[in-house]
Amino acid sequence: MLVVLALALLSACGDRLGIAPEERTTAQQRGATIIVGRPNDASSLDPARPTDNESSEVISQIYETLVRYRADSNDVEAALATRWAVDPTGTQWSFTLRDGVRFHDGTPLDAAAVVFSFERQRDPAHPFHTGRFGYWENQYKNIVRVEAVSPREVRITIADRYAPFLANMAMFPVGIVSPTAVVRWGEAFPDHPVGTGPFLLERWDHGERIVLARNPRYWDVPALTERVVFEVIPDARQRLVDLESGAIDLALAILPEELQFVDLHPGLTLYRHPANNVTYLAMNCLRAPFDDREVRRAIGLAINKLPIVRLAYEGLAIPAEGPLPPTQWGYHAVGAARYAPAEAKARLAELAAEGRIDLSKHYRLYAPATPRPYLPNPEQVARVLRSNLEAAGLQIELVIQPFAAQRRDTEAGTHDLALAGWSGDNGDPDNYLYLLFHEANTTPGIARNISFYRDPEVSKLLTDAQRVEDHAARDAIYADIQRRIAADAPWVPLAHSQVAVAARDEITGLQMQANGTIVYAGLHRVAR
């Protein structure tokens, strides 16, 4: 009742959005504009650079890849390439490009554009190989050459057989960019993105909104709405107020405690999607005492996941037993650390007596202030973790930061402990296990493996699994890997969550990809 009353009072707040009220009302009545409220802005609209969900969500509307995922599936289908083949060695992939596709700037898509898009990331000598390429160092470094065989055919050579290769080709970081636009804008290209997708950038007011317009030359089924506006509304309560009043049409990152309100509201619809993700507590294995496996195991006994799932997620999640969600192939139940607080406290006291941990020292737990798709209420989860750890005898200092700052610091390894998460990109276990546990991904500054876990045998098995094409054989390797990781305990896996999106009833056609990304081209408004 208090939530409903507060929302009713807040609904009287004045308009804050960048589109004038009379313009927005007219546009929405015509079905021309759909406004999306979300907690954070994109960091870049160059597909090669960012790693955050807010950027990839918009990038996926502007750019396209050689192949794409089918709706609500991780199966791959044709996109900018209509055909593909691999040679008997498994190292040379050929892609035949679709005829008649043009970039938003009117220039044609051809093999040279595909080569440019890859080589600027791969080749340090490329004139536009500048700055950081967020995914390349981890996900695509096995690519050794990209060539134009003809104007319509591209050949990609990789170092060795790589089972997830085709699935990786559908991920947003290898979206094909307009070489003309990159050359024209240079370092400013992230602010002037040009792809071939169903939407093009009309305006970006940094920190406030991104406005996308329908691509009039799109080669596939055109978007059903003329514009999509991504409006930055940091406060979750305000997003819901704006949704109820009609100021926005979709609200992302709904607080778990507000789900029931949306469910019962006569003018709103709540969409729940079983996302492919994990939330976890990472322990920095390069820092004492977390370089000690026995300390990490004891900490695992101290964490109570049930109140996290029930309170912070309002039941919109399940406790995690390992890094892979149960819906992900390759998942194996290997026995999660049980909750045994008395045992955890006693064991840590023993380890302190042996000089293996200093219980008088304060250890820093980093957590994002910004809600994530896998972590709708990060500060609440961080406080539960601190309470659990302090009950076991540790002294914990919370470091709550905006997401960009937390990502920077944890990738650099400045943390002792970190509350983090991951959303699977491509439906392959490699996208979790290799990225998050291989020693190759522990380079400070660009680390994805933020526990800095370095086990040579686990890393060898992860590399071996990439070269095995037989599904059952790979599954067996991943079972072994997960047993080893559970024994070493670099993480405490916490939860696998669903993604919740709230929408006004007149918005229809809402569909999500398997990774939780909304297919905005299918959204439209119907008269009520």
Protein backbone atom coordinates (compact mmCIF):
# COMPACT_ATOMS: atom_id res chain seq x y z
CA MET A 1 0.00 0.00 0.00
CA LEU A 2 2.86 2.38 0.84
CA VAL A 3 4.49 1.70 -2.52
CA VAL A 4 1.24 2.39 -4.36
CA LEU A 5 0.67 5.61 -2.39
CA ALA A 6 4.23 6.81 -3.02
CA LEU A 7 3.88 6.10 -6.71
CA ALA A 8 0.60 7.99 -6.87
CA LEU A 9 2.19 11.02 -5.22
CA LEU A 10 5.30 10.88 -7.40
CA SER A 11 3.18 10.65 -10.52
CA ALA A 12 2.41 14.33 -10.09
CA CYS A 13 6.08 15.17 -10.71
CA GLY A 14 6.87 17.42 -13.66
CA ASP A 15 8.14 16.19 -17.00
CA ARG A 16 11.90 15.48 -17.09
CA LEU A 17 12.30 13.92 -20.51
CA GLY A 18 14.04 15.63 -23.38
CA ILE A 19 11.06 15.34 -25.75
CA ALA A 20 8.41 17.98 -25.18
CA PRO A 21 5.21 16.53 -23.63
CA GLU A 22 2.99 17.55 -26.55
CA GLU A 23 5.47 16.08 -29.05
CA ARG A 24 5.76 12.85 -27.11
CA THR A 25 2.03 12.41 -26.66
CA THR A 26 1.36 12.95 -30.35
CA ALA A 27 4.19 10.66 -31.36
CA GLN A 28 3.14 7.92 -28.99
CA GLN A 29 -0.48 8.11 -30.08
CA ARG A 30 0.66 7.64 -33.66
CA GLY A 31 2.80 4.74 -32.54
CA ALA A 32 5.84 6.54 -33.93
CA THR A 33 8.01 6.55 -30.81
CA ILE A 34 8.65 4.03 -28.05
CA ILE A 35 10.51 5.34 -25.00
CA VAL A 36 12.58 3.00 -22.84
CA GLY A 37 13.61 3.98 -19.32
CA ARG A 38 16.82 2.42 -18.06
CA PRO A 39 19.26 3.15 -15.22
CA ASN A 40 22.42 3.95 -17.16
CA ASP A 41 23.67 5.34 -20.46
CA ALA A 42 25.82 3.56 -23.02
CA SER A 43 29.57 4.01 -22.74
CA SER A 44 30.27 3.69 -26.48
CA LEU A 45 28.39 2.92 -29.69
CA ASP A 46 31.38 1.41 -31.45
CA PRO A 47 30.67 -2.35 -31.34
CA ALA A 48 34.36 -3.19 -30.96
CA ARG A 49 34.89 -1.35 -27.69
CA PRO A 50 32.33 -1.68 -24.87
CA THR A 51 31.51 -4.64 -22.65
CA ASP A 52 28.47 -3.24 -20.79
CA ASN A 53 24.85 -4.22 -21.39
CA GLU A 54 23.67 -0.64 -21.87
CA SER A 55 25.98 -0.21 -24.86
CA SER A 56 25.42 -3.64 -26.39
CA GLU A 57 21.64 -3.17 -26.16
CA VAL A 58 21.82 -0.14 -28.49
CA ILE A 59 24.66 -1.49 -30.63
CA SER A 60 22.55 -4.54 -31.48
CA GLN A 61 19.94 -2.24 -33.04
CA ILE A 62 22.46 -0.29 -35.16
CA TYR A 63 24.86 -2.97 -36.38
CA GLU A 64 24.61 -6.49 -37.74
CA THR A 65 26.93 -9.45 -37.82
CA LEU A 66 27.73 -12.06 -40.46
CA VAL A 67 25.37 -14.49 -38.74
CA ARG A 68 22.80 -13.93 -36.00
CA TYR A 69 20.90 -15.85 -33.35
CA ARG A 70 17.38 -16.98 -34.09
CA ALA A 71 14.65 -15.42 -31.98
CA ASP A 72 14.81 -16.65 -28.37
CA SER A 73 17.51 -19.15 -29.30
CA ASN A 74 21.27 -19.48 -29.53
CA ASP A 75 20.98 -21.31 -32.86
CA VAL A 76 22.74 -19.42 -35.64
CA GLU A 77 21.11 -18.32 -38.90
CA ALA A 78 22.06 -16.18 -41.91
CA ALA A 79 22.37 -12.41 -41.52
CA LEU A 80 24.83 -10.33 -43.52
CA ALA A 81 26.26 -13.62 -44.78
CA THR A 82 23.88 -15.95 -46.58
CA ARG A 83 26.22 -18.97 -46.69
CA TRP A 84 29.31 -20.18 -44.88
CA ALA A 85 31.64 -23.16 -44.97
CA VAL A 86 34.72 -24.43 -43.13
CA ASP A 87 37.62 -26.38 -44.60
CA PRO A 88 38.62 -29.90 -43.36
CA THR A 89 41.28 -28.47 -41.02
CA GLY A 90 38.63 -26.42 -39.20
CA THR A 91 40.79 -23.30 -39.53
CA GLN A 92 39.49 -21.54 -42.66
CA TRP A 93 35.95 -20.19 -42.68
CA SER A 94 34.41 -18.69 -45.83
CA PHE A 95 31.39 -16.38 -45.76
CA THR A 96 29.33 -15.29 -48.77
CA LEU A 97 27.80 -11.84 -48.27
CA ARG A 98 24.23 -10.81 -48.96
CA ASP A 99 23.67 -8.70 -52.09
CA GLY A 100 22.24 -5.20 -52.01
CA VAL A 101 22.90 -4.30 -48.34
CA ARG A 102 23.88 -0.71 -47.63
CA PHE A 103 25.17 1.03 -44.54
CA HIS A 104 23.21 3.88 -43.00
CA ASP A 105 25.48 6.34 -44.83
CA GLY A 106 24.52 4.82 -48.20
CA THR A 107 27.83 3.04 -48.85
CA PRO A 108 27.61 -0.63 -49.89
CA LEU A 109 28.37 -3.60 -47.69
CA ASP A 110 31.16 -5.62 -49.29
CA ALA A 111 34.01 -7.92 -48.34
CA ALA A 112 36.36 -4.96 -47.88
CA ALA A 113 34.06 -3.54 -45.17
CA VAL A 114 34.05 -6.87 -43.33
CA VAL A 115 37.85 -7.10 -43.52
CA PHE A 116 38.13 -3.51 -42.24
CA SER A 117 35.78 -4.24 -39.31
CA PHE A 118 37.86 -7.23 -38.16
CA GLU A 119 41.35 -6.04 -39.01
CA ARG A 120 41.09 -2.75 -37.12
CA GLN A 121 40.68 -4.89 -34.00
CA ARG A 122 43.14 -7.65 -34.89
CA ASP A 123 46.07 -5.84 -36.50
CA PRO A 124 48.10 -3.43 -34.32
CA ALA A 125 49.47 -1.87 -37.53
CA HIS A 126 46.00 -0.98 -38.81
CA PRO A 127 45.60 2.83 -38.96
CA PHE A 128 42.42 2.62 -36.86
CA HIS A 129 43.72 0.15 -34.27
CA THR A 130 43.50 2.63 -31.40
CA GLY A 131 42.27 2.36 -27.83
CA ARG A 132 40.91 -0.75 -26.21
CA PHE A 133 38.87 -3.41 -27.99
CA GLY A 134 36.80 -4.85 -25.16
CA TYR A 135 36.17 -8.41 -26.38
CA TRP A 136 38.95 -9.05 -28.89
CA GLU A 137 41.70 -9.90 -26.40
CA ASN A 138 39.51 -12.56 -24.78
CA GLN A 139 37.06 -13.84 -27.36
CA TYR A 140 38.60 -13.38 -30.82
CA LYS A 141 42.36 -13.53 -30.39
CA ASN A 142 42.46 -16.90 -32.21
CA ILE A 143 41.73 -15.08 -35.50
CA VAL A 144 45.01 -14.75 -37.42
CA ARG A 145 43.87 -13.34 -40.78
CA VAL A 146 40.78 -11.90 -42.51
CA GLU A 147 40.81 -11.56 -46.29
CA ALA A 148 38.54 -10.53 -49.13
CA VAL A 149 38.50 -13.42 -51.63
CA SER A 150 36.12 -11.47 -53.88
CA PRO A 151 33.77 -8.50 -53.40
CA ARG A 152 31.18 -10.88 -51.94
CA GLU A 153 33.33 -13.49 -50.17
CA VAL A 154 35.38 -13.23 -46.97
CA ARG A 155 37.81 -15.82 -45.61
CA ILE A 156 38.65 -15.87 -41.89
CA THR A 157 41.62 -17.97 -40.78
CA ILE A 158 41.90 -19.05 -37.16
CA ALA A 159 44.89 -20.55 -35.36
CA ASP A 160 43.30 -23.90 -34.55
CA ARG A 161 39.96 -25.66 -34.48
CA TYR A 162 37.59 -23.67 -32.33
CA ALA A 163 34.18 -25.15 -31.61
CA PRO A 164 32.44 -21.89 -30.51
CA PHE A 165 33.66 -19.95 -33.57
CA LEU A 166 30.36 -19.65 -35.45
CA ALA A 167 28.44 -18.74 -32.29
CA ASN A 168 31.00 -16.02 -31.59
CA MET A 169 30.45 -14.60 -35.08
CA ALA A 170 26.90 -13.66 -34.02
CA MET A 171 28.06 -11.58 -31.05
CA PHE A 172 27.84 -7.78 -31.14
CA PRO A 173 31.62 -7.00 -30.95
CA VAL A 174 32.06 -8.21 -34.54
CA GLY A 175 29.25 -6.05 -35.88
CA ILE A 176 30.21 -4.74 -39.32
CA VAL A 177 30.97 -1.02 -39.37
CA SER A 178 31.06 1.44 -42.27
CA PRO A 179 34.74 2.02 -43.14
CA THR A 180 33.76 5.39 -44.64
CA ALA A 181 32.28 6.50 -41.31
CA VAL A 182 35.28 5.28 -39.27
CA VAL A 183 37.68 7.12 -41.57
CA ARG A 184 35.54 10.25 -41.47
CA TRP A 185 35.05 10.41 -37.71
CA GLY A 186 38.20 8.72 -36.39
CA GLU A 187 38.29 8.75 -32.59
CA ALA A 188 34.78 10.26 -32.58
CA PHE A 189 33.27 7.26 -34.39
CA PRO A 190 31.71 5.86 -31.17
CA ASP A 191 29.52 8.99 -31.12
CA HIS A 192 28.66 8.68 -34.84
CA PRO A 193 27.94 4.97 -35.34
CA VAL A 194 27.09 3.67 -38.81
CA GLY A 195 26.01 0.08 -39.41
CA THR A 196 23.43 -1.79 -41.46
CA GLY A 197 20.87 -2.58 -38.74
CA PRO A 198 17.14 -1.84 -38.48
CA PHE A 199 17.78 1.45 -36.63
CA LEU A 200 20.23 4.31 -37.11
CA LEU A 201 21.42 6.92 -34.63
CA GLU A 202 19.45 10.16 -34.74
CA ARG A 203 20.76 11.80 -31.55
CA TRP A 204 22.84 11.02 -28.48
CA ASP A 205 22.64 13.40 -25.52
CA HIS A 206 25.32 11.84 -23.34
CA GLY A 207 24.10 10.86 -19.90
CA GLU A 208 20.49 11.60 -20.86
CA ARG A 209 19.15 9.78 -23.93
CA ILE A 210 19.85 7.99 -27.18
CA VAL A 211 17.35 8.41 -30.02
CA LEU A 212 17.26 5.79 -32.79
CA ALA A 213 15.29 6.17 -36.01
CA ARG A 214 14.01 3.43 -38.29
CA ASN A 215 16.43 2.58 -41.12
CA PRO A 216 14.49 3.33 -44.34
CA ARG A 217 16.86 1.19 -46.43
CA TYR A 218 16.90 -1.88 -44.22
CA TRP A 219 17.30 -5.10 -46.23
CA ASP A 220 15.19 -7.27 -43.89
CA VAL A 221 11.74 -6.74 -42.35
CA PRO A 222 11.64 -3.04 -41.35
CA ALA A 223 11.13 -1.98 -37.75
CA LEU A 224 7.49 -1.51 -36.78
CA THR A 225 8.13 1.75 -34.94
CA GLU A 226 9.69 4.93 -36.27
CA ARG A 227 11.83 5.71 -33.23
CA VAL A 228 13.16 4.14 -30.06
CA VAL A 229 14.36 6.48 -27.31
CA PHE A 230 16.62 5.10 -24.54
CA GLU A 231 16.07 7.50 -21.65
CA VAL A 232 18.47 7.49 -18.67
CA ILE A 233 16.47 7.41 -15.43
CA PRO A 234 18.85 6.33 -12.65
CA ASP A 235 16.21 6.03 -9.92
CA ALA A 236 14.25 2.77 -10.18
CA ARG A 237 11.20 4.21 -8.45
CA GLN A 238 11.12 7.13 -10.86
CA ARG A 239 11.27 4.75 -13.82
CA LEU A 240 8.16 3.05 -12.55
CA VAL A 241 6.41 6.37 -11.91
CA ASP A 242 7.18 7.45 -15.46
CA LEU A 243 5.89 4.14 -16.80
CA GLU A 244 2.63 4.43 -14.87
CA SER A 245 2.07 8.00 -16.06
CA GLY A 246 2.81 7.15 -19.70
CA ALA A 247 6.00 9.24 -19.88
CA ILE A 248 7.84 6.08 -20.92
CA ASP A 249 6.64 2.84 -22.51
CA LEU A 250 9.12 0.29 -21.15
CA ALA A 251 11.00 0.24 -17.85
CA LEU A 252 14.13 -1.85 -17.42
CA ALA A 253 15.83 -2.96 -14.19
CA ILE A 254 12.64 -3.03 -12.12
CA LEU A 255 13.32 -3.43 -8.40
CA PRO A 256 12.29 -6.89 -7.20
CA GLU A 257 10.01 -5.44 -4.52
CA GLU A 258 8.05 -3.57 -7.21
CA LEU A 259 7.29 -6.61 -9.36
CA GLN A 260 4.01 -7.30 -7.61
CA PHE A 261 2.87 -3.71 -8.18
CA VAL A 262 3.49 -4.08 -11.93
CA ASP A 263 1.81 -7.49 -12.00
CA LEU A 264 -1.36 -6.07 -10.39
CA HIS A 265 -1.48 -2.81 -12.30
CA PRO A 266 -4.35 -2.81 -14.86
CA GLY A 267 -2.39 -0.78 -17.42
CA LEU A 268 0.98 -2.51 -17.20
CA THR A 269 2.41 -5.88 -18.21
CA LEU A 270 5.38 -7.60 -16.60
CA TYR A 271 7.59 -9.74 -18.82
CA ARG A 272 9.88 -12.27 -17.17
CA HIS A 273 12.62 -13.96 -19.14
CA PRO A 274 14.87 -16.78 -17.89
CA ALA A 275 18.21 -15.13 -18.57
CA ASN A 276 21.44 -17.01 -19.10
CA ASN A 277 23.49 -15.43 -16.32
CA VAL A 278 25.26 -15.81 -12.99
CA THR A 279 25.97 -13.52 -10.03
CA TYR A 280 28.97 -14.37 -7.87
CA LEU A 281 31.33 -13.28 -5.13
CA ALA A 282 34.86 -13.29 -6.56
CA MET A 283 37.88 -13.67 -4.31
CA ASN A 284 41.11 -12.16 -5.62
CA CYS A 285 43.49 -15.12 -5.70
CA LEU A 286 46.50 -12.83 -6.16
CA ARG A 287 45.93 -11.17 -2.77
CA ALA A 288 46.56 -12.73 0.60
CA PRO A 289 44.72 -14.36 2.27
CA PHE A 290 42.52 -15.21 -0.73
CA ASP A 291 45.46 -16.91 -2.43
CA ASP A 292 44.89 -19.68 0.12
CA ARG A 293 42.35 -22.26 -1.01
CA GLU A 294 41.41 -23.15 2.57
CA VAL A 295 40.51 -19.53 3.29
CA ARG A 296 38.34 -19.42 0.19
CA ARG A 297 36.58 -22.64 1.12
CA ALA A 298 35.85 -21.35 4.62
CA ILE A 299 34.37 -18.16 3.17
CA GLY A 300 32.12 -20.27 0.96
CA LEU A 301 30.63 -21.83 4.11
CA ALA A 302 29.78 -18.36 5.48
CA ILE A 303 27.51 -17.22 2.64
CA ASN A 304 23.76 -17.74 2.92
CA LYS A 305 22.27 -17.57 -0.58
CA LEU A 306 18.61 -18.03 0.37
CA PRO A 307 18.00 -14.54 1.78
CA ILE A 308 19.78 -13.10 -1.24
CA VAL A 309 17.39 -14.89 -3.59
CA ARG A 310 14.30 -14.22 -1.48
CA LEU A 311 14.97 -10.60 -0.50
CA ALA A 312 17.24 -9.05 -3.10
CA TYR A 313 15.60 -10.85 -6.02
CA GLU A 314 12.11 -11.35 -4.53
CA GLY A 315 12.28 -14.96 -5.73
CA LEU A 316 13.14 -13.89 -9.31
CA ALA A 317 16.24 -16.09 -9.18
CA ILE A 318 17.51 -19.46 -8.02
CA PRO A 319 20.57 -20.14 -5.84
CA ALA A 320 23.66 -20.90 -7.91
CA GLU A 321 25.65 -24.06 -7.38
CA GLY A 322 28.32 -23.25 -9.94
CA PRO A 323 29.26 -20.81 -12.68
CA LEU A 324 26.86 -22.21 -15.30
CA PRO A 325 23.08 -21.80 -15.03
CA PRO A 326 21.18 -25.12 -15.09
CA THR A 327 19.60 -24.21 -18.44
CA GLN A 328 23.04 -23.91 -20.09
CA TRP A 329 24.35 -27.03 -21.81
CA GLY A 330 27.55 -28.16 -20.17
CA TYR A 331 26.09 -27.53 -16.70
CA HIS A 332 26.95 -30.13 -14.07
CA ALA A 333 25.91 -30.09 -10.42
CA VAL A 334 29.23 -30.48 -8.64
CA GLY A 335 28.16 -29.70 -5.09
CA ALA A 336 27.95 -26.10 -3.99
CA ALA A 337 29.43 -25.02 -0.67
CA ARG A 338 26.76 -25.50 1.97
CA TYR A 339 25.80 -22.75 4.40
CA ALA A 340 27.49 -23.59 7.70
CA PRO A 341 28.17 -20.32 9.58
CA ALA A 342 29.47 -21.88 12.79
CA GLU A 343 31.84 -24.10 10.84
CA ALA A 344 32.99 -21.14 8.74
CA LYS A 345 33.77 -19.08 11.86
CA ALA A 346 35.63 -21.92 13.54
CA ARG A 347 37.66 -22.71 10.44
CA LEU A 348 38.65 -19.08 9.89
CA ALA A 349 39.72 -18.86 13.54
CA GLU A 350 41.91 -21.94 13.00
CA LEU A 351 43.44 -20.43 9.89
CA ALA A 352 44.07 -17.17 11.78
CA ALA A 353 45.87 -19.12 14.52
CA GLU A 354 48.05 -20.67 11.84
CA GLY A 355 48.90 -17.22 10.47
CA ARG A 356 47.08 -17.80 7.19
CA ILE A 357 44.57 -14.96 7.62
CA ASP A 358 44.55 -11.77 9.68
CA LEU A 359 41.09 -11.33 11.17
CA SER A 360 41.95 -7.86 12.47
CA LYS A 361 42.51 -6.53 8.95
CA HIS A 362 39.78 -4.84 6.91
CA TYR A 363 39.12 -6.44 3.53
CA ARG A 364 37.46 -4.47 0.75
CA LEU A 365 34.36 -5.82 -0.96
CA TYR A 366 33.66 -3.99 -4.23
CA ALA A 367 30.08 -3.84 -5.53
CA PRO A 368 28.32 -1.84 -8.26
CA ALA A 369 25.87 0.89 -7.37
CA THR A 370 24.22 0.53 -10.77
CA PRO A 371 21.65 -2.25 -11.22
CA ARG A 372 22.67 -4.94 -13.68
CA PRO A 373 20.47 -7.43 -15.57
CA TYR A 374 21.77 -10.18 -13.29
CA LEU A 375 21.82 -7.97 -10.18
CA PRO A 376 18.79 -5.68 -9.80
CA ASN A 377 19.67 -4.56 -6.26
CA PRO A 378 23.45 -4.80 -5.91
CA GLU A 379 23.86 -2.79 -2.71
CA GLN A 380 21.37 -4.96 -0.85
CA VAL A 381 23.22 -8.12 -1.93
CA ALA A 382 26.54 -6.56 -0.92
CA ARG A 383 25.19 -5.79 2.55
CA VAL A 384 23.96 -9.37 3.00
CA LEU A 385 27.42 -10.61 2.01
CA ARG A 386 29.10 -8.24 4.45
CA SER A 387 26.80 -9.39 7.24
CA ASN A 388 27.58 -13.06 6.48
CA LEU A 389 31.33 -12.44 6.35
CA GLU A 390 31.42 -10.35 9.52
CA ALA A 391 29.44 -13.03 11.35
CA ALA A 392 32.25 -15.42 10.40
CA GLY A 393 34.87 -13.10 11.91
CA LEU A 394 36.04 -10.99 8.96
CA GLN A 395 36.21 -7.19 8.91
CA ILE A 396 34.62 -5.96 5.67
CA GLU A 397 34.70 -2.51 4.08
CA LEU A 398 32.12 -2.00 1.32
CA VAL A 399 33.23 -0.08 -1.75
CA ILE A 400 30.05 0.82 -3.67
CA GLN A 401 30.81 2.39 -7.04
CA PRO A 402 29.10 3.18 -10.34
CA PHE A 403 29.36 0.19 -12.61
CA ALA A 404 32.03 1.66 -14.91
CA ALA A 405 34.31 2.40 -11.94
CA GLN A 406 33.75 -1.02 -10.42
CA ARG A 407 34.52 -2.74 -13.71
CA ARG A 408 37.71 -0.68 -14.09
CA ASP A 409 38.94 -1.44 -10.58
CA THR A 410 38.08 -5.13 -10.55
CA GLU A 411 39.59 -5.70 -14.00
CA ALA A 412 42.75 -4.06 -12.64
CA GLY A 413 42.67 -6.32 -9.56
CA THR A 414 42.48 -3.65 -6.86
CA HIS A 415 39.80 -5.53 -4.91
CA ASP A 416 39.99 -8.20 -2.22
CA LEU A 417 36.45 -9.39 -2.90
CA ALA A 418 34.01 -8.35 -5.61
CA LEU A 419 30.30 -8.78 -6.21
CA ALA A 420 29.99 -9.34 -9.94
CA GLY A 421 28.07 -11.21 -12.60
CA TRP A 422 28.02 -12.30 -16.20
CA SER A 423 25.35 -12.71 -18.87
CA GLY A 424 26.13 -15.40 -21.43
CA ASP A 425 26.54 -14.03 -24.93
CA ASN A 426 26.32 -17.03 -27.22
CA GLY A 427 24.89 -20.09 -25.47
CA ASP A 428 28.24 -21.89 -25.29
CA PRO A 429 29.86 -22.92 -21.98
CA ASP A 430 33.15 -21.54 -23.29
CA ASN A 431 31.64 -18.05 -23.04
CA TYR A 432 31.48 -18.51 -19.27
CA LEU A 433 34.24 -20.88 -18.32
CA TYR A 434 37.06 -19.76 -20.62
CA LEU A 435 36.41 -16.05 -20.11
CA LEU A 436 35.93 -16.22 -16.35
CA PHE A 437 38.47 -18.88 -15.29
CA HIS A 438 41.25 -19.21 -17.89
CA GLU A 439 44.60 -17.77 -16.82
CA ALA A 440 44.92 -15.99 -20.18
CA ASN A 441 42.13 -13.66 -19.06
CA THR A 442 43.87 -12.41 -15.92
CA THR A 443 45.88 -9.56 -17.45
CA PRO A 444 45.42 -6.60 -15.06
CA GLY A 445 43.48 -3.82 -16.72
CA ILE A 446 41.55 -6.06 -19.12
CA ALA A 447 40.89 -9.09 -16.90
CA ARG A 448 37.59 -10.90 -17.31
CA ASN A 449 38.74 -13.49 -14.81
CA ILE A 450 38.51 -11.04 -11.90
CA SER A 451 39.21 -13.72 -9.31
CA PHE A 452 42.63 -13.93 -11.04
CA TYR A 453 42.35 -17.68 -10.72
CA ARG A 454 45.32 -19.33 -12.41
CA ASP A 455 45.30 -23.09 -12.47
CA PRO A 456 47.42 -24.54 -15.32
CA GLU A 457 45.41 -27.76 -15.59
CA VAL A 458 42.06 -25.97 -15.67
CA SER A 459 43.40 -23.57 -18.31
CA LYS A 460 44.70 -26.50 -20.40
CA LEU A 461 41.33 -28.26 -20.19
CA LEU A 462 39.52 -25.07 -21.21
CA THR A 463 41.77 -24.71 -24.26
CA ASP A 464 41.35 -28.42 -25.09
CA ALA A 465 37.55 -28.11 -24.95
CA GLN A 466 37.64 -25.36 -27.59
CA ARG A 467 39.22 -27.79 -30.08
CA VAL A 468 36.73 -30.60 -29.58
CA GLU A 469 33.74 -30.54 -31.89
CA ASP A 470 31.91 -33.57 -30.47
CA HIS A 471 29.25 -32.26 -28.09
CA ALA A 472 29.38 -35.18 -25.65
CA ALA A 473 33.18 -35.07 -25.45
CA ARG A 474 33.15 -31.34 -24.72
CA ASP A 475 30.46 -31.86 -22.09
CA ALA A 476 32.67 -34.38 -20.28
CA ILE A 477 35.58 -31.95 -20.25
CA TYR A 478 33.36 -29.20 -18.85
CA ALA A 479 32.17 -31.52 -16.09
CA ASP A 480 35.79 -32.10 -15.05
CA ILE A 481 36.53 -28.37 -15.20
CA GLN A 482 33.57 -27.51 -12.97
CA ARG A 483 34.63 -30.12 -10.38
CA ARG A 484 38.12 -28.63 -10.24
CA ILE A 485 36.82 -25.07 -9.95
CA ALA A 486 34.44 -26.06 -7.15
CA ALA A 487 37.32 -27.67 -5.24
CA ASP A 488 39.52 -24.57 -5.61
CA ALA A 489 36.65 -22.19 -4.74
CA PRO A 490 37.78 -18.92 -6.39
CA TRP A 491 34.13 -17.87 -6.36
CA VAL A 492 31.07 -18.20 -4.25
CA PRO A 493 28.35 -18.61 -6.93
CA LEU A 494 25.27 -16.75 -5.68
CA ALA A 495 22.31 -16.70 -8.08
CA HIS A 496 20.95 -17.18 -11.57
CA SER A 497 18.27 -14.56 -12.17
CA GLN A 498 15.46 -13.82 -14.54
CA VAL A 499 15.27 -10.53 -16.42
CA ALA A 500 12.12 -8.49 -15.76
CA VAL A 501 10.80 -5.81 -18.11
CA ALA A 502 7.72 -3.72 -17.39
CA ALA A 503 5.71 -2.29 -20.28
CA ARG A 504 2.54 -0.38 -20.85
CA ASP A 505 -0.28 -2.60 -22.11
CA GLU A 506 -0.51 -0.90 -25.48
CA ILE A 507 3.06 -1.98 -26.33
CA THR A 508 2.99 -5.35 -28.06
CA GLY A 509 5.45 -7.60 -29.83
CA LEU A 510 7.94 -7.65 -26.98
CA GLN A 511 10.37 -10.49 -27.56
CA MET A 512 13.74 -11.19 -26.01
CA GLN A 513 16.75 -13.00 -27.31
CA ALA A 514 18.12 -15.91 -25.29
CA ASN A 515 20.64 -13.51 -23.71
CA GLY A 516 17.86 -11.22 -22.47
CA THR A 517 18.23 -8.49 -25.14
CA ILE A 518 14.94 -7.02 -26.37
CA VAL A 519 14.23 -7.19 -30.10
CA TYR A 520 13.20 -3.54 -30.46
CA ALA A 521 12.40 -3.79 -34.17
CA GLY A 522 9.38 -5.95 -33.32
CA LEU A 523 7.82 -3.53 -30.82
CA HIS A 524 4.73 -1.58 -31.78
CA ARG A 525 1.81 0.24 -30.21
CA VAL A 526 -1.81 -0.78 -30.55
CA ALA A 527 -4.88 1.34 -29.85
CA ARG A 528 -6.70 0.54 -26.60
